[in-house]
C-alpha atoms as a PDB file:
ATOM      1  CA  ALA A   1     140.374 184.356 143.530  1.00  0.00           C
ATOM      2  CA  ALA A   2     138.019 185.365 145.909  1.00  0.00           C
ATOM      3  CA  LYS A   3     134.019 183.773 146.261  1.00  0.00           C
ATOM      4  CA  ARG A   4     131.321 185.080 144.925  1.00  0.00           C
ATOM      5  CA  ARG A   5     128.011 184.981 146.465  1.00  0.00           C
ATOM      6  CA  LYS A   6     124.658 184.583 143.846  1.00  0.00           C
ATOM      7  CA  GLY A   7     124.856 188.046 142.815  1.00  0.00           C
ATOM      8  CA  GLY A   8     128.481 188.558 142.541  1.00  0.00           C
ATOM      9  CA  GLN A   9     128.768 189.746 146.009  1.00  0.00           C
ATOM     10  CA  LYS A  10     131.676 188.861 147.564  1.00  0.00           C
ATOM     11  CA  ALA A  11     131.653 186.066 150.256  1.00  0.00           C
ATOM     12  CA  PRO A  12     132.633 186.756 153.917  1.00  0.00           C
ATOM     13  CA  PRO A  13     136.574 186.778 154.697  1.00  0.00           C
ATOM     14  CA  ARG A  14     136.695 183.475 157.056  1.00  0.00           C
ATOM     15  CA  GLN A  15     137.699 183.695 160.706  1.00  0.00           C
ATOM     16  CA  ARG A  16     140.825 182.559 162.156  1.00  0.00           C
ATOM     17  CA  VAL A  17     141.052 180.383 165.141  1.00  0.00           C
ATOM     18  CA  GLU A  18     142.998 181.404 167.855  1.00  0.00           C
ATOM     19  CA  ALA A  19     144.908 180.004 170.864  1.00  0.00           C
ATOM     20  CA  PRO A  20     143.487 181.088 174.261  1.00  0.00           C
ATOM     21  CA  THR A  21     145.620 183.789 175.592  1.00  0.00           C
ATOM     22  CA  ALA A  22     145.258 182.122 179.088  1.00  0.00           C
ATOM     23  CA  LYS A  23     143.709 179.413 181.155  1.00  0.00           C
ATOM     24  CA  LEU A  24     142.498 180.688 184.388  1.00  0.00           C
ATOM     25  CA  GLU A  25     142.918 177.273 186.417  1.00  0.00           C
ATOM     26  CA  GLY A  26     141.599 175.945 189.396  1.00  0.00           C
ATOM     27  CA  ALA A  27     137.976 174.189 189.606  1.00  0.00           C
ATOM     28  CA  LYS A  28     138.267 170.343 190.120  1.00  0.00           C
ATOM     29  CA  GLY A  29     134.704 169.693 188.728  1.00  0.00           C
ATOM     30  CA  ALA A  30     132.770 170.757 186.040  1.00  0.00           C
ATOM     31  CA  VAL A  31     132.117 174.530 185.312  1.00  0.00           C
ATOM     32  CA  ARG A  32     128.828 175.616 184.691  1.00  0.00           C
ATOM     33  CA  GLY A  33     128.457 179.229 185.319  1.00  0.00           C
ATOM     34  CA  VAL A  34     130.763 181.941 184.145  1.00  0.00           C
ATOM     35  CA  ALA A  35     130.500 185.725 184.230  1.00  0.00           C
ATOM     36  CA  TRP A  36     132.729 188.260 182.995  1.00  0.00           C
ATOM     37  CA  PRO A  37     131.252 191.434 184.621  1.00  0.00           C
ATOM     38  CA  HIS A  38     134.166 193.684 184.632  1.00  0.00           C
ATOM     39  CA  PRO A  39     137.640 193.788 183.042  1.00  0.00           C
ATOM     40  CA  VAL A  40     139.815 192.269 185.255  1.00  0.00           C
ATOM     41  CA  ALA A  41     137.448 190.050 187.337  1.00  0.00           C
ATOM     42  CA  VAL A  42     136.219 186.405 186.151  1.00  0.00           C
ATOM     43  CA  TYR A  43     133.501 184.627 188.346  1.00  0.00           C
ATOM     44  CA  ALA A  44     132.719 181.328 187.799  1.00  0.00           C
ATOM     45  CA  ALA A  45     130.743 178.260 189.676  1.00  0.00           C
ATOM     46  CA  GLY A  46     130.414 174.625 188.759  1.00  0.00           C
ATOM     47  CA  PHE A  47     129.878 170.919 190.870  1.00  0.00           C
ATOM     48  CA  ASP A  48     133.348 171.564 193.186  1.00  0.00           C
ATOM     49  CA  ARG A  49     130.790 173.406 195.195  1.00  0.00           C
ATOM     50  CA  VAL A  50     132.724 176.673 195.182  1.00  0.00           C
ATOM     51  CA  VAL A  51     131.974 180.120 193.672  1.00  0.00           C
ATOM     52  CA  ARG A  52     135.410 181.612 192.150  1.00  0.00           C
ATOM     53  CA  MET A  53     136.653 185.068 190.927  1.00  0.00           C
ATOM     54  CA  TRP A  54     140.054 185.044 188.545  1.00  0.00           C
ATOM     55  CA  ASP A  55     142.180 188.157 188.950  1.00  0.00           C
ATOM     56  CA  VAL A  56     142.349 188.211 184.995  1.00  0.00           C
ATOM     57  CA  LYS A  57     145.674 190.067 185.635  1.00  0.00           C
ATOM     58  CA  THR A  58     147.487 187.689 187.489  1.00  0.00           C
ATOM     59  CA  GLN A  59     145.137 184.545 186.104  1.00  0.00           C
ATOM     60  CA  THR A  60     144.611 183.623 190.315  1.00  0.00           C
ATOM     61  CA  ASN A  61     142.225 182.998 192.624  1.00  0.00           C
ATOM     62  CA  ALA A  62     141.432 186.339 194.217  1.00  0.00           C
ATOM     63  CA  LEU A  63     138.430 185.208 195.805  1.00  0.00           C
ATOM     64  CA  ILE A  64     137.178 181.543 196.712  1.00  0.00           C
ATOM     65  CA  LEU A  65     132.903 180.917 198.176  1.00  0.00           C
ATOM     66  CA  PRO A  66     132.336 177.527 199.248  1.00  0.00           C
ATOM     67  CA  CYS A  67     128.513 176.371 198.513  1.00  0.00           C
ATOM     68  CA  LYS A  68     126.622 174.187 200.402  1.00  0.00           C
ATOM     69  CA  ALA A  69     125.798 172.034 196.933  1.00  0.00           C
ATOM     70  CA  ALA A  70     126.669 171.992 193.192  1.00  0.00           C
ATOM     71  CA  ALA A  71     126.077 174.711 191.507  1.00  0.00           C
ATOM     72  CA  THR A  72     124.318 174.598 187.819  1.00  0.00           C
ATOM     73  CA  SER A  73     123.959 178.175 186.466  1.00  0.00           C
ATOM     74  CA  LEU A  74     125.788 181.843 187.345  1.00  0.00           C
ATOM     75  CA  SER A  75     125.086 184.967 186.755  1.00  0.00           C
ATOM     76  CA  PHE A  76     126.061 188.512 187.571  1.00  0.00           C
ATOM     77  CA  GLY A  77     123.888 191.187 188.337  1.00  0.00           C
ATOM     78  CA  LEU A  78     125.932 194.540 187.206  1.00  0.00           C
ATOM     79  CA  ASP A  79     123.725 196.975 188.869  1.00  0.00           C
ATOM     80  CA  ALA A  80     123.073 195.238 192.255  1.00  0.00           C
ATOM     81  CA  ASN A  81     126.601 193.899 192.097  1.00  0.00           C
ATOM     82  CA  LEU A  82     125.130 190.278 193.213  1.00  0.00           C
ATOM     83  CA  ILE A  83     126.434 187.154 192.109  1.00  0.00           C
ATOM     84  CA  ALA A  84     123.719 184.749 191.543  1.00  0.00           C
ATOM     85  CA  THR A  85     123.711 181.135 191.234  1.00  0.00           C
ATOM     86  CA  GLY A  86     121.104 178.258 190.934  1.00  0.00           C
ATOM     87  CA  HIS A  87     122.053 174.671 192.934  1.00  0.00           C
ATOM     88  CA  THR A  88     121.675 171.197 192.520  1.00  0.00           C
ATOM     89  CA  ASP A  89     119.597 171.518 196.204  1.00  0.00           C
ATOM     90  CA  LYS A  90     116.971 173.631 194.768  1.00  0.00           C
ATOM     91  CA  THR A  91     118.653 176.665 196.228  1.00  0.00           C
ATOM     92  CA  ILE A  92     119.619 180.151 194.749  1.00  0.00           C
ATOM     93  CA  CYS A  93     122.284 181.968 196.676  1.00  0.00           C
ATOM     94  CA  LEU A  94     122.995 185.247 196.168  1.00  0.00           C
ATOM     95  CA  TRP A  95     126.541 186.743 197.140  1.00  0.00           C
ATOM     96  CA  ASP A  96     128.021 190.242 197.318  1.00  0.00           C
ATOM     97  CA  PRO A  97     131.919 190.024 196.250  1.00  0.00           C
ATOM     98  CA  ARG A  98     132.547 193.265 197.375  1.00  0.00           C
ATOM     99  CA  GLN A  99     133.125 191.694 201.101  1.00  0.00           C
ATOM    100  CA  GLY A 100     135.755 189.519 200.321  1.00  0.00           C
ATOM    101  CA  GLN A 101     135.935 186.382 201.910  1.00  0.00           C
ATOM    102  CA  LYS A 102     133.524 187.483 204.944  1.00  0.00           C
ATOM    103  CA  GLU A 103     129.889 187.051 204.877  1.00  0.00           C
ATOM    104  CA  VAL A 104     129.219 187.295 201.608  1.00  0.00           C
ATOM    105  CA  MET A 105     126.489 185.039 200.805  1.00  0.00           C
ATOM    106  CA  LYS A 106     123.493 187.722 201.129  1.00  0.00           C
ATOM    107  CA  LEU A 107     120.205 185.354 200.741  1.00  0.00           C
ATOM    108  CA  ARG A 108     119.485 182.071 199.817  1.00  0.00           C
ATOM    109  CA  LEU A 109     116.155 181.737 197.758  1.00  0.00           C
ATOM    110  CA  LYS A 110     114.042 178.842 197.926  1.00  0.00           C
ATOM    111  CA  SER A 111     111.153 177.724 196.062  1.00  0.00           C
ATOM    112  CA  HIS A 112     111.855 175.326 193.107  1.00  0.00           C
ATOM    113  CA  LYS A 113     111.036 171.622 193.943  1.00  0.00           C
ATOM    114  CA  LEU A 114     114.146 170.577 191.590  1.00  0.00           C
ATOM    115  CA  TRP A 115     117.900 171.643 190.441  1.00  0.00           C
ATOM    116  CA  VAL A 116     117.948 175.311 189.576  1.00  0.00           C
ATOM    117  CA  THR A 117     119.378 175.466 186.212  1.00  0.00           C
ATOM    118  CA  SER A 118     119.743 178.690 184.484  1.00  0.00           C
ATOM    119  CA  LEU A 119     119.776 182.482 186.104  1.00  0.00           C
ATOM    120  CA  ALA A 120     118.935 185.812 183.894  1.00  0.00           C
ATOM    121  CA  TRP A 121     118.955 189.037 185.748  1.00  0.00           C
ATOM    122  CA  THR A 122     116.905 192.383 184.105  1.00  0.00           C
ATOM    123  CA  ARG A 123     118.076 195.483 183.947  1.00  0.00           C
ATOM    124  CA  SER A 124     114.515 196.692 183.093  1.00  0.00           C
ATOM    125  CA  PHE A 125     112.965 196.093 186.061  1.00  0.00           C
ATOM    126  CA  GLY A 126     115.794 197.550 188.553  1.00  0.00           C
ATOM    127  CA  PRO A 127     118.543 196.406 189.628  1.00  0.00           C
ATOM    128  CA  HIS A 128     117.021 193.526 191.823  1.00  0.00           C
ATOM    129  CA  LYS A 129     114.749 191.831 189.342  1.00  0.00           C
ATOM    130  CA  LEU A 130     115.932 188.337 188.224  1.00  0.00           C
ATOM    131  CA  ALA A 131     114.474 185.202 186.280  1.00  0.00           C
ATOM    132  CA  SER A 132     115.088 181.307 187.129  1.00  0.00           C
ATOM    133  CA  THR A 133     114.984 178.365 185.738  1.00  0.00           C
ATOM    134  CA  SER A 134     114.438 174.303 187.063  1.00  0.00           C
ATOM    135  CA  HIS A 135     114.036 170.960 186.413  1.00  0.00           C
ATOM    136  CA  ASP A 136     110.637 171.230 188.191  1.00  0.00           C
ATOM    137  CA  GLY A 137     109.435 172.508 184.432  1.00  0.00           C
ATOM    138  CA  THR A 138     109.087 176.609 186.272  1.00  0.00           C
ATOM    139  CA  LEU A 139     110.306 179.336 185.176  1.00  0.00           C
ATOM    140  CA  LYS A 140     110.062 181.933 188.654  1.00  0.00           C
ATOM    141  CA  ILE A 141     110.760 185.994 188.790  1.00  0.00           C
ATOM    142  CA  TRP A 142     112.421 187.253 191.702  1.00  0.00           C
ATOM    143  CA  ASP A 143     112.512 190.562 193.373  1.00  0.00           C
ATOM    144  CA  VAL A 144     115.923 189.271 195.219  1.00  0.00           C
ATOM    145  CA  ARG A 145     115.064 191.621 198.324  1.00  0.00           C
ATOM    146  CA  ALA A 146     112.115 189.340 199.429  1.00  0.00           C
ATOM    147  CA  ARG A 147     112.269 185.578 200.158  1.00  0.00           C
ATOM    148  CA  ASP A 148     109.394 184.468 197.868  1.00  0.00           C
ATOM    149  CA  PRO A 149     108.724 184.569 193.994  1.00  0.00           C
ATOM    150  CA  LEU A 150     106.983 187.477 192.408  1.00  0.00           C
ATOM    151  CA  HIS A 151     105.786 184.566 189.860  1.00  0.00           C
ATOM    152  CA  THR A 152     106.053 181.080 189.287  1.00  0.00           C
ATOM    153  CA  LEU A 153     104.752 179.913 185.632  1.00  0.00           C
ATOM    154  CA  ALA A 154     104.679 176.731 184.562  1.00  0.00           C
ATOM    155  CA  ALA A 155     106.958 177.130 181.702  1.00  0.00           C
ATOM    156  CA  HIS A 156     107.785 173.692 180.498  1.00  0.00           C
ATOM    157  CA  ASP A 157     106.672 170.150 180.417  1.00  0.00           C
ATOM    158  CA  GLY A 158     109.682 168.666 181.139  1.00  0.00           C
ATOM    159  CA  LYS A 159     113.034 170.534 182.793  1.00  0.00           C
ATOM    160  CA  GLY A 160     113.257 173.982 182.138  1.00  0.00           C
ATOM    161  CA  MET A 161     117.080 174.776 180.873  1.00  0.00           C
ATOM    162  CA  ALA A 162     117.783 178.424 180.382  1.00  0.00           C
ATOM    163  CA  VAL A 163     116.395 182.028 180.436  1.00  0.00           C
ATOM    164  CA  THR A 164     116.685 185.381 179.155  1.00  0.00           C
ATOM    165  CA  TRP A 165     115.396 188.384 178.728  1.00  0.00           C
ATOM    166  CA  TRP A 166     114.593 190.284 176.395  1.00  0.00           C
ATOM    167  CA  GLY A 167     113.578 194.567 175.957  1.00  0.00           C
ATOM    168  CA  SER A 168     111.910 195.761 179.267  1.00  0.00           C
ATOM    169  CA  ASN A 169     109.213 192.745 179.424  1.00  0.00           C
ATOM    170  CA  MET A 170     109.557 189.456 177.560  1.00  0.00           C
ATOM    171  CA  ILE A 171     111.916 186.797 178.729  1.00  0.00           C
ATOM    172  CA  ALA A 172     112.272 183.511 176.745  1.00  0.00           C
ATOM    173  CA  SER A 173     113.222 180.399 178.073  1.00  0.00           C
ATOM    174  CA  GLY A 174     113.965 176.855 176.823  1.00  0.00           C
ATOM    175  CA  GLY A 175     113.428 172.982 178.526  1.00  0.00           C
ATOM    176  CA  THR A 176     113.350 169.677 177.230  1.00  0.00           C
END
């Protein structure tokens, strides 16, 4: 017999947990950021100091980009077709995956005083706006065509840990 909620409504069916259909292997340390912006490509970055792109069909590493420091976050900007990675050396790196193994790092942004922990692109203000949080407690808004942040907010008494955009002009961040 199906369980009923108060008022005689049926409870929604339980979802079955399935096994993964594929495992994309190759990372040597903790993976801290993943993005799946296109049906055929998954990007990841982590403590092994590498940004990887996996070909979903072949389940192989199609692109491996070395970083100077461990990555703590990754966000893919669809409109700009750029990858942003945050790092333990307090920097944000911008990568253009269309360049292959050549000069793919386009810019290194430096303004945070501690680890960069979270990144989020917005589509509302054009393809070049990025938000970042850091262990330094700040939230920064960037136009990635420039080296300096547009705005710096003292958002947290402790560490900034997460950031996301909502709508055209709202940002939410979480921290300690």
